[in-house]
Protein backbone atom coordinates (compact mmCIF):
# COMPACT_ATOMS: atom_id res chain seq x y z
CA MET A 1 127.44 82.14 103.85
CA ASP A 2 124.17 80.73 104.05
CA GLY A 3 120.78 81.38 102.17
CA LEU A 4 121.13 85.00 102.61
CA PRO A 5 124.23 86.03 100.77
CA THR A 6 124.69 89.56 102.21
CA HIS A 7 126.64 88.21 105.06
CA ARG A 8 129.78 86.19 104.92
CA ARG A 9 132.13 84.88 107.49
CA LEU A 10 135.24 82.66 107.20
CA PRO A 11 135.87 80.30 110.23
CA ASP A 12 139.11 78.96 111.34
CA LEU A 13 138.27 75.23 110.81
CA VAL A 14 135.32 73.20 109.53
CA VAL A 15 134.51 69.79 110.98
CA LEU A 16 132.11 67.31 109.47
CA PRO A 17 131.68 64.47 112.14
CA GLY A 18 130.16 61.10 110.66
CA THR A 19 129.01 59.52 113.68
CA ARG A 20 127.22 60.65 116.83
CA GLU A 21 130.29 59.70 119.07
CA GLU A 22 132.55 61.79 116.70
CA LEU A 23 130.33 64.90 117.25
CA ILE A 24 130.63 64.23 121.03
CA ALA A 25 134.39 63.88 120.89
CA VAL A 26 134.49 66.99 118.85
CA VAL A 27 132.49 69.09 120.99
CA ARG A 28 134.26 67.94 124.27
CA LEU A 29 137.56 68.85 122.82
CA LEU A 30 136.62 72.33 122.10
CA ALA A 31 135.15 72.56 125.37
CA ALA A 32 138.59 71.43 126.81
CA HIS A 33 140.51 74.21 124.93
CA ASP A 34 137.50 76.89 125.47
CA VAL A 35 136.88 77.37 121.67
CA PRO A 36 133.53 78.64 120.40
CA PHE A 37 131.83 76.73 117.68
CA VAL A 38 128.81 77.07 115.54
CA PRO A 39 126.45 74.20 114.62
CA ARG A 40 125.35 74.09 110.90
CA GLY A 41 122.93 72.16 108.80
CA ALA A 42 122.71 72.52 105.01
CA GLY A 43 123.13 76.18 105.32
CA THR A 44 119.60 77.14 103.59
CA GLY A 45 119.17 79.55 106.55
CA LEU A 46 118.04 83.29 105.74
CA SER A 47 119.10 85.17 108.79
CA GLY A 48 123.11 84.47 108.75
CA GLY A 49 122.61 82.32 111.93
CA ALA A 50 125.02 79.44 111.04
CA LEU A 51 127.90 81.45 110.20
CA ALA A 52 131.03 81.14 111.96
CA ASP A 53 133.55 83.96 112.53
CA GLU A 54 137.19 84.07 112.72
CA GLY A 55 138.37 82.05 115.79
CA SER A 56 135.35 79.74 115.79
CA VAL A 57 135.12 76.02 114.62
CA LEU A 58 132.01 75.34 112.09
CA ILE A 59 130.70 71.88 112.79
CA VAL A 60 128.64 70.64 109.90
CA LEU A 61 125.97 68.18 110.68
CA THR A 62 124.90 66.95 107.40
CA ARG A 63 126.73 63.45 107.48
CA LEU A 64 124.41 62.54 110.61
CA ASN A 65 121.62 61.69 108.31
CA ARG A 66 120.11 58.68 109.52
CA ILE A 67 116.40 57.96 110.18
CA LEU A 68 117.20 55.93 113.30
CA LYS A 69 113.53 54.61 113.89
CA MET A 70 110.29 54.80 111.92
CA ASP A 71 107.40 54.13 114.47
CA ALA A 72 104.31 53.99 112.35
CA GLY A 73 102.25 52.22 115.21
CA ASN A 74 102.66 55.62 117.27
CA ARG A 75 103.27 57.86 114.48
CA ALA A 76 106.69 58.95 115.19
CA ALA A 77 110.21 58.76 113.88
CA ILE A 78 113.53 59.27 115.55
CA VAL A 79 116.20 60.90 113.11
CA GLU A 80 119.66 62.39 113.35
CA PRO A 81 119.96 66.04 112.94
CA GLY A 82 121.35 65.93 109.20
CA VAL A 83 118.28 64.39 107.74
CA VAL A 84 116.77 66.27 104.98
CA ASN A 85 113.17 67.19 105.59
CA ALA A 86 111.65 65.89 102.22
CA LYS A 87 113.48 62.44 102.97
CA LEU A 88 111.77 62.19 106.12
CA SER A 89 108.31 62.57 104.68
CA ALA A 90 109.19 60.24 101.60
CA ALA A 91 110.14 57.79 104.27
CA ALA A 92 106.93 57.93 105.93
CA GLN A 93 104.57 58.02 103.15
CA PRO A 94 104.35 54.24 102.50
CA HIS A 95 103.05 54.11 105.99
CA GLY A 96 100.11 56.51 105.05
CA LEU A 97 102.08 59.42 107.29
CA GLN A 98 103.80 62.49 106.59
CA TYR A 99 106.06 65.14 108.31
CA ALA A 100 104.00 68.13 108.23
CA PRO A 101 106.64 71.24 108.31
CA ASP A 102 107.41 71.93 104.86
CA PRO A 103 109.83 74.88 104.50
CA SER A 104 110.21 75.93 100.89
CA SER A 105 113.85 74.58 101.02
CA GLN A 106 112.61 70.81 102.23
CA SER A 107 114.27 69.46 99.33
CA ALA A 108 117.71 70.53 101.00
CA CYS A 109 117.20 71.57 104.48
CA THR A 110 117.62 69.31 107.37
CA ILE A 111 115.54 68.53 110.47
CA GLY A 112 118.25 69.67 112.84
CA GLY A 113 118.30 73.21 111.10
CA ASN A 114 114.45 73.25 111.10
CA VAL A 115 114.44 72.34 114.91
CA ALA A 116 117.06 75.64 115.44
CA GLU A 117 114.90 77.91 113.67
CA ASN A 118 111.35 76.55 114.65
CA ALA A 119 111.06 76.14 110.49
CA GLY A 120 107.58 76.82 109.24
CA GLY A 121 106.25 76.22 105.71
CA PRO A 122 103.17 76.73 103.28
CA HIS A 123 101.19 73.87 105.14
CA CYS A 124 101.85 75.00 108.64
CA LEU A 125 98.71 77.34 108.38
CA LYS A 126 96.64 74.07 109.24
CA TYR A 127 99.52 71.68 110.64
CA GLY A 128 101.73 74.16 112.69
CA VAL A 129 105.37 74.94 112.79
CA THR A 130 108.07 72.53 113.78
CA ALA A 131 107.63 73.21 117.35
CA ASN A 132 104.54 71.44 117.30
CA HIS A 133 105.79 68.42 115.87
CA VAL A 134 109.07 67.82 118.05
CA LEU A 135 108.25 65.36 120.90
CA ALA A 136 111.59 64.43 122.51
CA LEU A 137 115.15 65.67 122.02
CA GLU A 138 118.71 64.32 122.97
CA LEU A 139 121.16 67.52 123.44
CA LEU A 140 124.77 67.99 123.52
CA LEU A 141 125.36 71.03 125.53
CA ALA A 142 128.58 73.13 124.82
CA ASP A 143 130.67 71.54 127.53
CA GLY A 144 130.00 67.95 126.22
CA THR A 145 127.23 67.18 128.57
CA MET A 146 124.36 64.92 127.27
CA VAL A 147 120.73 65.90 128.06
CA GLU A 148 117.43 64.25 127.44
CA SER A 149 114.10 66.45 127.04
CA GLY A 150 110.56 65.67 126.33
CA SER A 151 108.97 62.21 125.75
CA PRO A 152 108.38 59.93 122.84
CA GLY A 153 104.46 60.27 123.58
CA GLY A 154 105.00 64.17 124.10
CA GLU A 155 103.68 64.18 127.74
CA PRO A 156 104.62 67.36 129.53
CA TRP A 157 107.03 66.10 132.29
CA GLY A 158 108.24 69.16 134.16
CA PRO A 159 109.53 72.51 132.15
CA ASP A 160 108.97 72.07 128.54
CA LEU A 161 112.70 72.12 127.59
CA VAL A 162 112.06 70.76 124.05
CA GLY A 163 109.93 74.07 123.61
CA LEU A 164 112.62 76.17 124.87
CA PHE A 165 115.21 74.42 122.50
CA VAL A 166 113.14 74.64 119.39
CA GLY A 167 113.91 77.88 117.85
CA SER A 168 116.87 78.66 120.02
CA GLU A 169 119.10 79.18 116.89
CA GLY A 170 121.92 77.05 118.13
CA ASN A 171 122.37 79.06 120.98
CA PHE A 172 121.79 76.19 123.48
CA GLY A 173 123.81 73.21 121.75
CA ILE A 174 123.09 70.63 119.34
CA ALA A 175 120.20 68.42 119.11
CA THR A 176 121.90 64.77 118.31
CA LYS A 177 118.62 62.62 118.17
CA ILE A 178 114.99 64.50 117.24
CA THR A 179 111.74 62.59 118.01
CA VAL A 180 109.40 63.96 115.73
CA ARG A 181 105.41 63.68 115.59
CA LEU A 182 104.16 62.21 112.05
CA THR A 183 100.55 63.14 110.92
CA PRO A 184 98.42 60.83 108.58
CA LEU A 185 98.24 61.70 104.94
CA PRO A 186 95.00 63.45 103.84
CA ARG A 187 92.63 61.28 101.80
CA ALA A 188 91.36 64.36 99.54
CA VAL A 189 93.38 67.37 98.45
CA ARG A 190 92.19 70.11 96.36
CA THR A 191 94.51 72.86 95.22
CA MET A 192 93.39 76.19 93.57
CA LEU A 193 94.93 79.21 91.96
CA ALA A 194 93.12 82.73 91.85
CA ASP A 195 94.49 85.78 90.19
CA PHE A 196 93.85 89.44 91.06
CA ASN A 197 94.16 92.89 89.76
CA GLY A 198 95.37 94.28 92.88
CA LEU A 199 97.54 93.25 95.88
CA ARG A 200 95.10 94.76 98.24
CA THR A 201 92.24 92.86 96.92
CA ALA A 202 94.18 89.68 97.35
CA GLY A 203 94.92 90.42 100.86
CA GLU A 204 91.52 91.23 101.63
CA ALA A 205 90.39 87.87 99.99
CA VAL A 206 92.78 85.91 102.66
CA SER A 207 91.00 87.85 105.43
CA ALA A 208 87.53 86.63 103.91
CA ILE A 209 88.65 83.11 103.80
CA ILE A 210 89.68 82.92 107.40
CA ALA A 211 86.79 85.16 108.75
CA ALA A 212 84.47 82.61 107.09
CA GLY A 213 86.01 79.97 109.73
CA ILE A 214 87.77 77.90 107.03
CA VAL A 215 91.39 77.22 107.62
CA PRO A 216 93.05 75.85 104.54
CA ALA A 217 96.39 73.50 104.44
CA ALA A 218 97.80 76.62 102.81
CA LEU A 219 97.20 80.02 101.61
CA GLU A 220 100.00 81.43 99.54
CA MET A 221 100.36 84.77 97.80
CA MET A 222 102.80 86.03 95.18
CA ASP A 223 103.01 89.59 93.58
CA GLN A 224 103.58 90.30 89.91
CA SER A 225 107.29 90.57 90.16
CA CYS A 226 107.36 87.08 91.71
CA ILE A 227 105.26 85.81 89.01
CA ALA A 228 107.25 87.10 86.35
CA ALA A 229 110.26 85.82 87.63
CA VAL A 230 108.79 82.47 88.13
CA GLU A 231 107.36 82.24 84.69
CA ASP A 232 110.62 83.23 83.07
CA SER A 233 112.26 80.46 84.82
CA VAL A 234 112.52 76.46 84.55
CA TYR A 235 110.00 76.49 87.24
CA ALA A 236 107.33 78.20 85.31
CA ALA A 237 103.78 76.94 86.83
CA GLY A 238 101.49 78.82 84.38
CA TYR A 239 100.59 81.72 86.55
CA PRO A 240 98.96 84.49 84.71
CA ARG A 241 101.66 87.26 83.92
CA ASP A 242 99.38 90.15 84.00
CA ALA A 243 98.13 89.46 87.69
CA ALA A 244 99.04 91.83 90.31
CA ALA A 245 98.91 88.94 92.47
CA VAL A 246 97.95 85.34 92.72
CA LEU A 247 96.78 83.36 95.62
CA LEU A 248 97.56 79.50 95.85
CA VAL A 249 94.97 77.84 98.12
CA GLU A 250 94.99 74.18 99.25
CA LEU A 251 92.33 72.41 101.35
CA ASP A 252 92.91 68.82 102.49
CA GLY A 253 91.09 66.37 105.08
CA ARG A 254 89.97 62.79 105.62
CA ASN A 255 86.85 63.28 104.03
CA GLU A 256 86.19 63.87 100.23
CA ALA A 257 82.67 65.43 100.81
CA GLY A 258 84.05 67.85 103.17
CA VAL A 259 87.00 68.82 101.26
CA ILE A 260 84.68 69.40 98.15
CA ALA A 261 82.32 71.36 99.97
CA GLU A 262 85.18 73.66 101.56
CA THR A 263 86.56 74.05 97.90
CA GLU A 264 83.27 75.38 96.64
CA ALA A 265 82.88 77.73 99.57
CA VAL A 266 86.38 79.19 98.81
CA ALA A 267 86.18 79.60 95.55
CA GLU A 268 82.91 81.69 95.89
CA LEU A 269 84.58 83.74 98.54
CA LEU A 270 87.42 84.36 96.00
CA ARG A 271 85.10 85.55 93.39
CA LYS A 272 83.19 87.70 95.85
CA SER A 273 86.61 89.29 96.98
CA GLY A 274 87.42 90.28 93.58
CA ALA A 275 89.28 87.33 92.00
CA ARG A 276 89.50 87.63 88.09
CA SER A 277 89.27 83.76 87.85
CA VAL A 278 89.71 80.88 90.11
CA ARG A 279 91.29 77.55 88.60
CA ILE A 280 91.20 74.24 90.43
CA ALA A 281 94.04 71.93 89.50
CA ALA A 282 92.61 68.97 87.53
CA SER A 283 95.51 66.43 88.25
CA GLU A 284 98.08 65.47 90.54
CA ALA A 285 100.47 66.87 87.89
CA GLU A 286 98.82 69.98 87.72
CA ARG A 287 98.98 70.47 91.66
CA GLU A 288 102.50 69.72 91.58
CA ARG A 289 103.23 72.35 88.80
CA LEU A 290 101.56 75.09 90.63
CA TRP A 291 103.44 74.26 93.88
CA GLN A 292 106.69 73.76 92.30
CA GLY A 293 106.42 77.43 91.09
CA ARG A 294 105.78 78.51 94.57
CA LYS A 295 108.46 76.46 96.37
CA LYS A 296 111.25 77.52 93.71
CA ALA A 297 110.26 81.10 93.93
CA PHE A 298 113.40 82.17 95.77
CA GLY A 299 115.46 80.30 93.26
CA ALA A 300 113.76 81.95 90.25
CA MET A 301 114.57 85.32 91.49
CA GLY A 302 118.15 84.73 91.16
CA ARG A 303 117.31 85.89 87.58
CA LEU A 304 116.54 89.28 88.73
CA SER A 305 119.80 90.09 90.18
CA ARG A 306 123.04 88.96 91.88
CA ASP A 307 122.01 89.39 95.51
CA LEU A 308 118.83 88.94 97.33
CA VAL A 309 117.42 90.29 100.84
CA VAL A 310 114.72 88.03 102.24
CA GLN A 311 112.93 89.82 105.03
CA ASP A 312 110.52 87.51 107.29
CA ALA A 313 108.28 89.71 109.26
CA VAL A 314 104.71 88.86 110.45
CA VAL A 315 101.64 91.05 110.88
CA PRO A 316 97.94 90.75 111.58
CA ARG A 317 96.17 89.37 108.74
CA SER A 318 93.76 92.14 108.64
CA ALA A 319 97.01 94.53 108.29
CA LEU A 320 98.13 92.70 105.20
CA PRO A 321 96.29 95.00 102.61
CA GLN A 322 97.69 98.13 103.93
CA VAL A 323 101.30 96.69 104.78
CA LEU A 324 101.44 95.22 101.37
CA GLU A 325 100.57 98.79 99.86
CA THR A 326 103.29 100.44 102.28
CA ILE A 327 106.01 98.07 100.98
CA CYS A 328 105.35 99.01 97.45
CA THR A 329 105.58 102.83 98.44
CA ILE A 330 108.72 101.98 100.29
CA ALA A 331 110.15 100.21 96.95
CA LYS A 332 109.19 102.87 94.88
CA ARG A 333 110.85 105.67 97.08
CA TYR A 334 114.07 103.76 97.11
CA ASP A 335 114.02 102.68 93.29
CA LEU A 336 114.19 99.04 94.36
CA VAL A 337 112.88 95.94 92.98
CA VAL A 338 110.73 94.06 95.45
CA SER A 339 109.03 91.02 95.08
CA ASN A 340 106.53 89.42 97.55
CA VAL A 341 106.01 85.85 97.94
CA PHE A 342 104.85 84.56 101.61
CA HIS A 343 102.62 82.86 103.81
CA ALA A 344 99.39 84.81 103.64
CA GLY A 345 97.25 82.99 105.64
CA ASP A 346 99.25 83.49 108.83
CA GLY A 347 100.40 86.88 107.88
CA ASN A 348 104.04 85.75 107.24
CA LEU A 349 105.55 88.16 104.77
CA HIS A 350 108.46 87.57 102.83
CA PRO A 351 109.34 90.76 100.82
CA ASN A 352 112.58 90.00 98.78
CA ILE A 353 114.82 92.82 97.55
CA SER A 354 116.79 92.41 94.41
CA PHE A 355 120.19 93.93 94.00
CA ASP A 356 123.72 94.14 93.51
CA ALA A 357 125.74 94.12 96.65
CA THR A 358 128.83 95.40 94.76
CA ASP A 359 127.31 98.80 94.66
CA PRO A 360 127.85 100.49 97.97
CA ALA A 361 125.16 103.12 97.34
CA LEU A 362 122.57 100.55 96.22
CA LYS A 363 123.48 98.39 99.20
CA GLN A 364 122.99 101.31 101.65
CA ARG A 365 119.34 101.81 99.93
CA VAL A 366 118.36 98.07 100.38
CA GLU A 367 119.28 98.33 103.97
CA ALA A 368 117.42 101.46 104.70
CA ALA A 369 114.32 100.26 102.64
CA SER A 370 114.63 96.88 104.91
CA ALA A 371 114.58 98.88 108.15
CA GLU A 372 111.52 100.77 107.00
CA ILE A 373 109.97 97.45 106.00
CA MET A 374 110.54 96.20 109.54
CA SER A 375 109.31 99.12 111.34
CA THR A 376 106.06 99.20 109.20
CA CYS A 377 105.53 95.71 110.16
CA ILE A 378 106.33 96.49 113.79
CA ALA A 379 104.01 99.47 113.73
CA ALA A 380 101.16 97.16 112.52
CA GLY A 381 101.26 95.12 115.52
CA GLY A 382 103.67 92.48 114.17
CA THR A 383 107.05 91.20 114.79
CA ILE A 384 110.55 90.62 112.96
CA THR A 385 110.65 87.16 112.06
CA GLY A 386 108.02 84.26 111.73
CA GLU A 387 110.29 81.26 110.39
CA HIS A 388 113.98 82.54 109.34
CA GLY A 389 115.14 83.47 112.79
CA VAL A 390 117.02 86.48 114.01
CA GLY A 391 120.69 85.29 113.62
CA ILE A 392 123.03 88.27 112.72
CA ASP A 393 120.73 89.82 110.25
CA LYS A 394 117.84 90.87 112.47
CA LEU A 395 119.98 91.73 115.54
CA ARG A 396 119.47 95.56 115.04
CA TYR A 397 115.73 95.07 115.41
CA MET A 398 115.47 93.32 118.57
CA PRO A 399 115.70 96.52 120.72
CA LEU A 400 112.65 97.71 118.81
CA ILE A 401 110.44 94.98 120.66
CA PHE A 402 112.31 93.97 123.75
CA ASP A 403 113.43 96.35 126.30
CA PRO A 404 116.81 95.92 128.02
CA GLU A 405 115.77 93.85 130.82
CA SER A 406 113.84 91.44 128.50
CA LEU A 407 116.93 90.75 126.27
CA GLY A 408 119.11 90.37 129.58
CA ALA A 409 116.42 87.82 130.65
CA MET A 410 117.05 85.96 127.40
CA GLN A 411 120.68 86.12 127.81
CA ALA A 412 120.48 84.72 131.27
CA VAL A 413 118.30 81.69 129.96
CA ARG A 414 121.15 81.24 127.40
CA ARG A 415 123.98 80.91 129.80
CA VAL A 416 121.80 78.11 131.76
CA PHE A 417 122.86 75.81 128.90
CA ASP A 418 125.91 77.57 127.77
CA PRO A 419 127.90 79.71 130.61
CA LYS A 420 130.45 80.89 128.33
CA GLU A 421 128.42 81.66 125.44
CA ARG A 422 130.39 79.47 123.00
CA VAL A 423 127.77 77.93 121.06
CA ASN A 424 126.93 80.04 118.02
CA PRO A 425 128.37 83.34 119.86
CA GLY A 426 126.98 86.72 118.49
CA LYS A 427 123.57 85.64 117.47
CA VAL A 428 120.13 86.50 118.18
CA VAL A 429 120.39 88.60 121.48
CA PRO A 430 122.12 92.15 120.62
CA VAL A 431 124.37 92.11 123.85
CA HIS A 432 125.06 95.66 123.73
CA ALA A 433 121.43 96.31 124.26
CA CYS A 434 121.33 94.15 127.37
CA ARG A 435 121.25 96.18 130.46
CA GLU A 436 123.45 93.95 132.49
CA TRP A 437 125.81 92.76 129.71
CA THR A 438 126.75 95.74 127.77
CA SER A 439 130.60 95.26 128.40
CA ILE A 440 130.74 91.58 127.71
CA ARG A 441 130.36 91.46 123.89
CA SER A 442 133.09 94.02 123.33
CA ALA A 443 135.22 92.60 125.85
CA LYS A 444 135.02 88.96 124.68
CA PHE A 445 134.16 89.20 121.21
CA GLY A 446 134.96 92.78 120.00
CA MET A 447 133.31 94.36 117.17
CA ARG A 448 133.75 93.63 113.57
CA ASN A 449 133.98 96.22 110.74
CA ASP A 450 130.77 95.60 109.39
CA ASP A 451 129.04 95.64 112.67
CA ARG A 452 130.59 99.31 112.92
CA GLN A 453 129.18 100.23 109.71
CA PHE A 454 125.79 98.59 110.39
CA ASN A 455 125.41 100.32 113.68
CA SER A 456 126.59 103.74 112.16
CA ALA A 457 123.74 103.27 109.31
CA PHE A 458 121.23 102.53 111.59
CA PRO A 459 122.00 103.42 115.30
CA ILE A 460 119.50 102.16 118.01
CA SER A 461 118.44 104.46 120.96
CA HIS A 462 118.42 102.19 124.08
CA SER A 463 116.71 104.68 126.16
CA THR A 464 113.66 104.96 123.71
CA LEU A 465 114.19 101.69 121.64
CA GLU A 466 113.19 103.64 118.39
CA PRO A 467 115.57 104.21 115.62
CA VAL A 468 117.52 107.20 115.95
CA PRO A 469 116.48 109.71 113.21
């Protein structure tokens, strides 16, 4: 399994190459025998995207963990796919630089996995997601062919193959070398915590900040359930337990006076929007404590139950208040514990459902509630994933936002890189919903038992692209 424990698979073989040359040799050997394989990083993914079925080989890339070059003069670095996100920023820090994308799992997740999923993070509101920071890639395709894409300077030469590969969820091949952009560390940082009596009020405060023309480095929200889980854990950050929601807002920049002015403006906007209190971190230690609570929130939720489903929808910021209230209504109707912790600044929601997967009836309620939450986000003008990817977990939702021709086009693009679909098979594109490829998956991969149960519980009408009642 990966970071989403509700999906489990058992591959035939696991391989952990220690060098680029060993990796190439493994992929070429698998190509010679027509064996499918799945690339995997640290396994922190939340969509089941790096799970390998029976009949497949799992290629784990965590031993390819060298920073090959730190080019401070050109604000770039070249890394292997197994380099841990936080370690790259730590290596860049003495040069006054940072690698900006910062997923909550950054202490464990790898750059290769970040590239596959186009990972985000709290500070991507201002700095952008992984795609905005990848300059060039060395790619190993399914047949063992090596391909160079992009350029160290980031100049667009011909088709943007780097942009196509980033976020492809391992369907196109393996990135063996990754050239990333580094950004200067901010000279001034201010972190504040605001607490509210209602989720709707907190959501409206988010819109007020953005509407004022201020783009914080980060703008995160946590609801009362999440606050309680964090404060009961070793990651306690001093969040007010009686708050319905808190906003964690960070502003940064190269000019101290400018950051102070923005901090005062945001604090005033928060108070006018109904914040009970606004607290500004008085020290680096206090700032780190506030962020530890947010970054470790998913881990803290392990106190609530043995299993956790993490959703990853995106909605327009203006829709946040209503969508959050609807999610609460869905949770009450299904009698479920739903905790919200998410990137409020860009509308990237993470409703987390805590439950016990050994209870079949409870598991069915969780699946039904998840489907309703996702449908709510789509109806609000949103989409099904902001940073966690489609993997296998969100395959059922793809026909709700893409018609069969569009899904078929995605499949056709994949086959340019991997004609036999041997790399990470069965992920991202629901082949049964592609007009041109309906019979391929059943003939080539068959249908697993959990797929049958899944499709039975949530059938999709391909003619209307709506859930069947």
